[in-house]
Every structure is written in C-alpha cells, then in structure tokens.
C-alpha cells in the first residue's frame, strides 16, 4: 500500500483548528483595515501637527499594499498560525511607524497597540502574545529614549513610562487567559458535535467535511482515492439473542478492529447503525482491496469477548476507487455502497469491488 508523499487529511480536532484559522484570518483582515482607517482619520483630523505628512502617507500606502498583496492577491496562501503571526508583526511595525510620525511616545495613536495585542492573544495564544508584547515594549522604550534621551533612566520618567505601558500588559494577560478558555470550550463543543457517541470515531458530519476536501484535492492533483463501506453481518440477530447492550459492545469492538487495520492518514466514520465508512487518500483499487481483506480477517480472528466466551462476527465490505471505478470522485460513496450490497447478497463475510460485481450490476453502479 503506497504511503509515499502522503498528505495527511484532516481529522476532527485538526478540522476544528482549520476552521478556527479561517475564522481568525477573516477577523484579522477586518482589524488591519480598521487600523489603517483610524490612522487615515487622524491624518485628516490631527490633534497635533504632523511634521512629515508625506512620510505618513507613504507608510499608510505601503501597509495598504501589504494587506492587498498578502491577503487578496496571495489568496492561495494557506491559513496557518505563521501567516497570522506575520500579519500581527506587520501590524506592530505599521503602528510603530505611525506613532513615530505622530508624536512618538506622546502620540494618541499608541493605543492602537492594543488592537494587535488582542488580535495576537485571540489567534496565536499566550506564548506568542508575550513575545509580541516584548517587541512592543522594546519599540516603546526606544521611542521613549528618543523623546527623553538619558532622562528615561531616571526613576520618575521610567516610572511614568511603565505606568503608561502597564495597561497594555494587563490587557494582553487577561485577553490571553479568556481567549484560551473560550477556544478550548469551543473546540470541545465542536469535537463533540463531530464525534460518534457510541464509538468515539468520526460521525458523518465530520466525515462529509473531510470527504469534500479530499475529493476536490484528488480531482485537482490526480491522485487515487478509495472508499470502503463496511457493514456488520447479522447485528439484528446479536441484538435479539444477547440484547442491545451486547450489540452496542459489538459495534464498539468493530470500530476498534477497523481502526487497528487502517493507517493514521485514513478516515474511519460511523455511517449509521451497523455501517461504517473508511476514506483512504492516495490509495488505489488494489491496495484498498488488500486493506478490506485485512479488516475482514481481523473480525474472523478477533471475536468479541462476552463473559469469557468469544462471540464470532463478520463484515461485508464494498470498495470503490478513483479513478479506476469512476471518473468522478464525488460518486465514490454510491459506488462503494453498491459494491457492499453485492457482498451482502452474495453471502456476506466478503469484500467486493466494482470490478468484482456481475457485468450488469457493474455497468449500472460503476459506469
């Protein structure tokens, strides 16, 4: 089974973080434009004389170009923590230059630092926020030295500067704590909404989100993609004979066995009832058939332990692969379901690919 150059797909927790980063990225864009607008308003309605207006115009223009190039022209840049960090560093640079041109340490624009600190605390966490506050402190002290010269080291002046800077530290600390608690709670809620209660694996909501991303990537980059539909054989008989508690134990046992038989990069989800689905990126028809047989044999050799006795179980599996069985990856679930139906009608405890189906059924299901 090929594993080279395997792009690991998103699992539930990673999918949550990916969605968070996209949300943060949109908020960051709004904050960047807000900061630019505030500086522009101050430029036209200054509270004190701007000594070099042309320089400030150049700074605002350069920052506007940065936003356009980094965010809109470079739309293919993936949303990552490092991308957000670069944007917050650019915000700090812009604020520092704007403050320098509007009065230095006496500039009314110095409170703009709060925007960058809050943005960093919400998006990048406590450690990065501390680093950025330290960077801001260095810029602030340098402007203080430029304004007060050596008097900055006198007790009175230094105390005054620290007193003016301390609200920024307090905001950074409180925002980091609150943001961390809120994000952890949000992630937990999102993960619960994407996890099957009985088995602890992905539910179909999470699977569908990942599946859409993978079929788009498979079609775009022309790599193979396979889907396995797995159904527990005769679960109803187990429920009738041993009770639904045992039936639930068997479903959990089945999820555990299947998880042990696939790669970390594969996605296992509960399709519903006693059915499961496995998404296998970068896997062709031959390799997926080998995995299906490995899973089927795991059930034969690992019965469910009930009071010291083994309860035998088996599975029927349907396999569909792109591009071997279909030229449209979005139809893989339907193709695999048709192959699963063939496995069940052929006697159960077997795996079937579209190519293994009778000609008439294959033409209809795997065209």
Protein backbone atom coordinates (compact mmCIF):
# COMPACT_ATOMS: atom_id res chain seq x y z
CA UNK A 1 0.00 0.00 0.00
CA UNK A 2 1.58 3.29 -1.06
CA UNK A 3 2.47 5.72 1.69
CA UNK A 4 4.98 7.97 -0.03
CA UNK A 5 4.19 11.65 -0.32
CA UNK A 6 1.05 11.10 1.67
CA UNK A 7 -0.76 14.32 2.52
CA UNK A 8 -2.37 13.59 5.85
CA UNK A 9 -6.06 14.54 5.75
CA UNK A 10 -7.73 16.50 8.48
CA UNK A 11 -9.17 14.60 11.44
CA UNK A 12 -11.83 16.07 13.74
CA UNK A 13 -9.53 18.09 16.01
CA UNK A 14 -7.45 19.28 13.04
CA UNK A 15 -10.62 20.19 11.17
CA UNK A 16 -11.72 22.32 14.14
CA UNK A 17 -8.39 24.15 14.15
CA UNK A 18 -8.54 24.62 10.39
CA UNK A 19 -11.98 26.23 10.65
CA UNK A 20 -10.77 28.40 13.54
CA UNK A 21 -7.80 29.63 11.50
CA UNK A 22 -10.09 30.60 8.62
CA UNK A 23 -12.35 32.49 11.03
CA UNK A 24 -9.36 34.21 12.65
CA UNK A 25 -8.00 35.12 9.22
CA UNK A 26 -11.22 36.91 8.28
CA UNK A 27 -11.21 38.80 11.58
CA UNK A 28 -7.56 39.75 11.08
CA UNK A 29 -8.38 41.32 7.72
CA UNK A 30 -11.07 43.49 9.31
CA UNK A 31 -8.69 44.60 12.07
CA UNK A 32 -6.00 45.53 9.55
CA UNK A 33 -8.35 47.75 7.58
CA UNK A 34 -9.72 49.23 10.82
CA UNK A 35 -6.23 50.25 11.94
CA UNK A 36 -5.49 51.80 8.57
CA UNK A 37 -8.76 53.77 8.65
CA UNK A 38 -8.04 55.07 12.17
CA UNK A 39 -4.62 56.37 11.10
CA UNK A 40 -6.15 57.93 7.99
CA UNK A 41 -8.79 59.69 10.10
CA UNK A 42 -6.06 61.04 12.39
CA UNK A 43 -4.10 62.19 9.33
CA UNK A 44 -7.01 64.35 8.16
CA UNK A 45 -8.09 65.44 11.65
CA UNK A 46 -4.84 65.59 13.67
CA UNK A 47 -4.74 66.63 17.33
CA UNK A 48 -1.19 67.83 16.88
CA UNK A 49 0.97 68.88 13.94
CA UNK A 50 2.28 66.05 11.75
CA UNK A 51 5.85 67.05 10.93
CA UNK A 52 6.27 64.76 7.88
CA UNK A 53 2.83 64.16 6.32
CA UNK A 54 4.33 62.77 3.10
CA UNK A 55 6.18 60.11 5.09
CA UNK A 56 2.98 59.12 6.90
CA UNK A 57 1.16 58.89 3.57
CA UNK A 58 3.93 56.59 2.32
CA UNK A 59 3.64 54.40 5.44
CA UNK A 60 -0.15 54.10 5.05
CA UNK A 61 0.19 53.33 1.34
CA UNK A 62 2.84 50.67 1.98
CA UNK A 63 0.67 49.00 4.61
CA UNK A 64 -2.36 49.06 2.30
CA UNK A 65 -0.26 47.42 -0.43
CA UNK A 66 0.90 44.78 2.08
CA UNK A 67 -2.69 43.94 3.01
CA UNK A 68 -3.75 43.68 -0.62
CA UNK A 69 -0.79 41.56 -1.69
CA UNK A 70 -0.62 39.31 1.36
CA UNK A 71 -4.32 38.73 1.81
CA UNK A 72 -6.08 39.18 -1.51
CA UNK A 73 -3.51 38.66 -4.25
CA UNK A 74 -1.94 35.77 -2.33
CA UNK A 75 -5.28 34.02 -1.78
CA UNK A 76 -3.64 30.63 -2.24
CA UNK A 77 -1.60 31.09 0.92
CA UNK A 78 -2.83 28.56 3.43
CA UNK A 79 -4.22 29.92 6.69
CA UNK A 80 -1.64 28.94 9.29
CA UNK A 81 -0.53 30.33 12.67
CA UNK A 82 2.66 31.58 10.99
CA UNK A 83 0.68 33.55 8.44
CA UNK A 84 -1.31 35.19 11.24
CA UNK A 85 1.92 35.87 13.15
CA UNK A 86 3.42 37.65 10.14
CA UNK A 87 0.29 39.78 9.89
CA UNK A 88 0.44 40.76 13.57
CA UNK A 89 4.14 41.63 13.21
CA UNK A 90 3.24 43.80 10.23
CA UNK A 91 0.54 45.45 12.35
CA UNK A 92 3.10 46.25 15.07
CA UNK A 93 5.52 47.66 12.50
CA UNK A 94 2.81 49.84 10.96
CA UNK A 95 1.63 51.10 14.36
CA UNK A 96 5.18 51.89 15.47
CA UNK A 97 5.96 53.85 12.31
CA UNK A 98 2.63 55.68 12.52
CA UNK A 99 3.23 56.58 16.18
CA UNK A 100 6.76 57.75 15.34
CA UNK A 101 5.34 60.17 12.77
CA UNK A 102 2.56 61.47 15.03
CA UNK A 103 4.38 62.45 18.18
CA UNK A 104 6.29 59.38 19.28
CA UNK A 105 5.66 58.42 22.88
CA UNK A 106 3.17 61.30 23.18
CA UNK A 107 1.15 60.15 20.15
CA UNK A 108 -2.55 59.47 20.74
CA UNK A 109 -2.24 56.53 18.33
CA UNK A 110 -0.21 54.43 20.76
CA UNK A 111 -3.40 52.74 21.96
CA UNK A 112 -3.51 51.02 18.55
CA UNK A 113 -1.03 48.58 20.05
CA UNK A 114 -4.00 47.18 21.98
CA UNK A 115 -5.58 46.00 18.72
CA UNK A 116 -2.51 43.99 17.72
CA UNK A 117 -2.15 42.54 21.22
CA UNK A 118 -5.81 41.47 21.37
CA UNK A 119 -5.59 40.01 17.86
CA UNK A 120 -2.49 38.04 18.81
CA UNK A 121 -3.96 36.83 22.11
CA UNK A 122 -7.11 35.55 20.43
CA UNK A 123 -5.45 33.91 17.43
CA UNK A 124 -1.95 32.83 18.47
CA UNK A 125 -2.08 32.10 22.19
CA UNK A 126 -0.25 33.19 25.30
CA UNK A 127 3.37 32.41 24.30
CA UNK A 128 3.25 34.40 21.05
CA UNK A 129 1.43 37.22 22.81
CA UNK A 130 4.24 37.50 25.37
CA UNK A 131 6.81 37.69 22.57
CA UNK A 132 4.86 40.37 20.75
CA UNK A 133 4.32 42.39 23.93
CA UNK A 134 8.08 42.22 24.50
CA UNK A 135 8.62 43.50 20.94
CA UNK A 136 6.16 46.34 21.53
CA UNK A 137 7.91 47.16 24.83
CA UNK A 138 11.24 47.46 23.00
CA UNK A 139 9.70 49.79 20.42
CA UNK A 140 8.03 51.82 23.17
CA UNK A 141 11.23 52.16 25.17
CA UNK A 142 13.17 53.17 22.06
CA UNK A 143 10.64 55.92 21.33
CA UNK A 144 10.84 56.92 24.98
CA UNK A 145 14.63 57.17 24.75
CA UNK A 146 14.34 59.24 21.59
CA UNK A 147 11.94 61.62 23.37
CA UNK A 148 13.50 61.80 26.86
CA UNK A 149 17.11 60.94 25.98
CA UNK A 150 19.08 59.77 29.03
CA UNK A 151 16.37 61.10 31.35
CA UNK A 152 14.43 57.94 30.58
CA UNK A 153 16.59 56.12 33.14
CA UNK A 154 15.61 58.49 35.94
CA UNK A 155 13.20 56.99 38.44
CA UNK A 156 10.40 59.45 37.80
CA UNK A 157 10.48 59.23 34.00
CA UNK A 158 10.88 55.47 33.89
CA UNK A 159 8.02 55.02 36.37
CA UNK A 160 5.86 57.29 34.21
CA UNK A 161 6.61 55.25 31.08
CA UNK A 162 5.96 51.94 32.84
CA UNK A 163 2.67 53.29 34.22
CA UNK A 164 1.55 54.21 30.70
CA UNK A 165 2.63 50.84 29.34
CA UNK A 166 1.16 48.66 32.12
CA UNK A 167 -2.47 48.74 30.80
CA UNK A 168 -1.18 47.09 27.64
CA UNK A 169 0.36 44.29 29.71
CA UNK A 170 -2.85 43.83 31.67
CA UNK A 171 -4.98 43.66 28.53
CA UNK A 172 -2.58 41.13 26.98
CA UNK A 173 -2.66 38.92 30.08
CA UNK A 174 -6.43 38.99 30.60
CA UNK A 175 -7.23 38.56 26.90
CA UNK A 176 -4.86 35.59 26.60
CA UNK A 177 -6.49 33.79 29.53
CA UNK A 178 -10.05 34.46 28.36
CA UNK A 179 -9.25 33.58 24.74
CA UNK A 180 -7.63 30.29 25.78
CA UNK A 181 -10.64 29.26 27.87
CA UNK A 182 -13.12 30.25 25.16
CA UNK A 183 -11.19 28.47 22.39
CA UNK A 184 -10.79 25.28 24.43
CA UNK A 185 -14.52 25.23 25.17
CA UNK A 186 -15.36 25.91 21.53
CA UNK A 187 -13.05 23.15 20.32
CA UNK A 188 -14.54 20.70 22.79
CA UNK A 189 -18.08 21.50 21.68
CA UNK A 190 -17.12 21.23 18.01
CA UNK A 191 -15.34 17.91 18.52
CA UNK A 192 -18.33 16.51 20.37
CA UNK A 193 -20.59 17.55 17.50
CA UNK A 194 -18.32 15.69 15.06
CA UNK A 195 -17.78 12.51 17.09
CA UNK A 196 -19.98 9.43 17.25
CA UNK A 197 -21.19 8.99 20.83
CA UNK A 198 -21.04 5.18 20.85
CA UNK A 199 -17.69 4.50 19.20
CA UNK A 200 -15.71 7.73 19.65
CA UNK A 201 -14.82 7.85 15.94
CA UNK A 202 -15.92 10.49 13.45
CA UNK A 203 -19.59 10.86 12.63
CA UNK A 204 -20.91 11.57 9.15
CA UNK A 205 -20.95 15.31 9.71
CA UNK A 206 -17.19 15.34 10.22
CA UNK A 207 -16.63 12.72 7.52
CA UNK A 208 -18.55 14.71 4.89
CA UNK A 209 -16.46 17.83 5.54
CA UNK A 210 -13.23 15.86 5.14
CA UNK A 211 -14.59 13.91 2.17
CA UNK A 212 -15.42 17.10 0.27
CA UNK A 213 -11.88 18.40 0.76
CA UNK A 214 -10.31 15.10 -0.30
CA UNK A 215 -12.36 14.59 -3.45
CA UNK A 216 -11.55 18.15 -4.52
CA UNK A 217 -7.83 17.50 -3.95
CA UNK A 218 -7.95 14.11 -5.69
CA UNK A 219 -9.61 15.63 -8.75
CA UNK A 220 -7.23 18.58 -8.80
CA UNK A 221 -3.95 16.74 -8.27
CA UNK A 222 -4.98 13.45 -9.91
CA UNK A 223 -4.10 11.10 -7.06
CA UNK A 224 -6.03 7.88 -6.26
CA UNK A 225 -8.72 7.84 -3.62
CA UNK A 226 -10.66 4.87 -2.25
CA UNK A 227 -13.73 4.36 -0.10
CA UNK A 228 -14.66 1.24 1.87
CA UNK A 229 -18.24 0.72 3.03
CA UNK A 230 -18.31 -1.81 5.89
CA UNK A 231 -21.42 -3.47 7.32
CA UNK A 232 -21.63 -5.75 10.35
CA UNK A 233 -23.28 -9.03 9.38
CA UNK A 234 -26.43 -10.07 11.27
CA UNK A 235 -26.25 -7.49 14.04
CA UNK A 236 -30.01 -7.84 14.49
CA UNK A 237 -29.57 -11.49 15.48
CA UNK A 238 -27.00 -10.46 18.09
CA UNK A 239 -29.40 -7.86 19.49
CA UNK A 240 -32.25 -10.37 19.59
CA UNK A 241 -30.20 -13.15 21.18
CA UNK A 242 -27.88 -11.26 23.55
CA UNK A 243 -29.54 -7.86 23.95
CA UNK A 244 -28.86 -4.39 22.65
CA UNK A 245 -26.09 -3.81 25.18
CA UNK A 246 -24.10 -6.62 23.59
CA UNK A 247 -24.99 -5.23 20.16
CA UNK A 248 -23.54 -1.87 21.20
CA UNK A 249 -20.42 -3.60 22.52
CA UNK A 250 -20.05 -5.33 19.16
CA UNK A 251 -20.29 -2.00 17.31
CA UNK A 252 -17.58 -0.52 19.55
CA UNK A 253 -15.49 -3.67 19.04
CA UNK A 254 -15.94 -3.35 15.27
CA UNK A 255 -14.79 0.28 15.31
CA UNK A 256 -11.71 -0.68 17.34
CA UNK A 257 -10.78 -3.51 14.96
CA UNK A 258 -11.18 -1.35 11.87
CA UNK A 259 -9.15 1.45 13.41
CA UNK A 260 -6.32 -1.01 14.06
CA UNK A 261 -6.43 -2.19 10.44
CA UNK A 262 -6.02 1.17 8.71
CA UNK A 263 -3.38 3.92 8.56
CA UNK A 264 -3.38 7.03 10.66
CA UNK A 265 -3.98 9.01 7.47
CA UNK A 266 -7.21 7.12 6.72
CA UNK A 267 -10.58 8.37 7.99
CA UNK A 268 -12.93 5.98 9.75
CA UNK A 269 -16.50 7.13 10.44
CA UNK A 270 -19.74 5.55 11.57
CA UNK A 271 -22.12 5.78 8.63
CA UNK A 272 -25.14 4.87 10.72
CA UNK A 273 -26.43 1.85 12.67
CA UNK A 274 -24.06 -1.03 11.94
CA UNK A 275 -22.44 0.56 8.87
CA UNK A 276 -19.04 2.24 8.72
CA UNK A 277 -17.15 4.09 6.00
CA UNK A 278 -13.40 4.38 5.51
CA UNK A 279 -11.81 7.06 3.34
CA UNK A 280 -8.34 6.18 2.06
CA UNK A 281 -6.44 9.01 0.32
CA UNK A 282 -3.59 8.15 -2.07
CA UNK A 283 -4.81 4.53 -2.25
CA UNK A 284 -5.63 2.69 -5.46
CA UNK A 285 -8.09 -0.17 -6.02
CA UNK A 286 -5.57 -2.96 -5.47
CA UNK A 287 -4.25 -1.55 -2.20
CA UNK A 288 -7.73 -0.79 -0.86
CA UNK A 289 -8.80 -4.36 -1.63
CA UNK A 290 -5.87 -5.65 0.43
CA UNK A 291 -6.92 -3.42 3.33
CA UNK A 292 -10.52 -4.64 3.05
CA UNK A 293 -9.39 -8.26 3.27
CA UNK A 294 -7.16 -7.47 6.24
CA UNK A 295 -10.10 -5.91 8.05
CA UNK A 296 -12.37 -8.83 7.20
CA UNK A 297 -9.84 -11.33 8.59
CA UNK A 298 -9.43 -9.25 11.76
CA UNK A 299 -13.07 -9.99 12.54
CA UNK A 300 -12.58 -13.69 11.90
CA UNK A 301 -9.64 -13.91 14.29
CA UNK A 302 -10.80 -11.45 16.98
CA UNK A 303 -14.26 -12.36 18.29
CA UNK A 304 -15.96 -10.16 20.88
CA UNK A 305 -15.28 -11.40 24.40
CA UNK A 306 -18.53 -11.93 26.36
CA UNK A 307 -18.11 -13.38 29.84
CA UNK A 308 -15.06 -15.33 28.74
CA UNK A 309 -16.66 -16.60 25.54
CA UNK A 310 -15.95 -15.36 22.05
CA UNK A 311 -18.87 -14.03 20.02
CA UNK A 312 -17.97 -14.53 16.33
CA UNK A 313 -18.72 -11.69 13.96
CA UNK A 314 -18.11 -10.93 10.32
CA UNK A 315 -18.35 -7.97 7.99
CA UNK A 316 -19.32 -7.34 4.40
CA UNK A 317 -17.30 -4.71 2.56
CA UNK A 318 -17.84 -2.70 -0.61
CA UNK A 319 -14.89 -0.97 -2.31
CA UNK A 320 -14.79 1.85 -4.84
CA UNK A 321 -11.70 3.66 -6.09
CA UNK A 322 -10.98 6.75 -8.10
CA UNK A 323 -10.08 6.78 -10.95
CA UNK A 324 -10.28 3.00 -11.55
CA UNK A 325 -14.01 2.60 -10.82
CA UNK A 326 -15.30 6.07 -11.57
CA UNK A 327 -14.06 9.24 -13.21
CA UNK A 328 -15.94 11.35 -10.66
CA UNK A 329 -14.61 11.06 -7.09
CA UNK A 330 -17.81 12.53 -5.65
CA UNK A 331 -19.66 9.33 -6.62
CA UNK A 332 -17.36 7.04 -4.63
CA UNK A 333 -19.80 6.59 -1.74
CA UNK A 334 -22.57 5.46 -4.09
CA UNK A 335 -20.22 3.07 -5.88
CA UNK A 336 -18.92 1.59 -2.63
CA UNK A 337 -22.50 1.20 -1.35
CA UNK A 338 -23.45 -0.69 -4.50
CA UNK A 339 -20.42 -2.97 -4.06
CA UNK A 340 -21.40 -3.52 -0.41
CA UNK A 341 -24.89 -4.57 -1.46
CA UNK A 342 -23.28 -7.09 -3.79
CA UNK A 343 -21.21 -8.50 -0.90
CA UNK A 344 -24.31 -8.93 1.26
CA UNK A 345 -26.43 -10.54 -1.45
CA UNK A 346 -23.56 -12.88 -2.34
CA UNK A 347 -23.47 -14.47 1.10
CA UNK A 348 -21.84 -11.87 3.41
CA UNK A 349 -18.39 -12.09 5.05
CA UNK A 350 -16.65 -10.94 1.89
CA UNK A 351 -15.33 -7.83 0.17
CA UNK A 352 -16.37 -6.70 -3.30
CA UNK A 353 -15.03 -4.01 -5.59
CA UNK A 354 -16.90 -2.54 -8.53
CA UNK A 355 -14.75 -4.67 -10.84
CA UNK A 356 -15.79 -7.85 -8.99
CA UNK A 357 -19.50 -7.23 -9.48
CA UNK A 358 -21.52 -9.06 -12.18
CA UNK A 359 -21.33 -7.28 -15.50
CA UNK A 360 -24.89 -5.91 -15.47
CA UNK A 361 -24.58 -4.56 -11.92
CA UNK A 362 -21.09 -3.21 -12.63
CA UNK A 363 -22.25 -1.30 -15.71
CA UNK A 364 -25.07 0.27 -13.71
CA UNK A 365 -23.13 1.05 -10.50
CA UNK A 366 -19.59 1.73 -11.68
CA UNK A 367 -20.05 3.47 -15.01
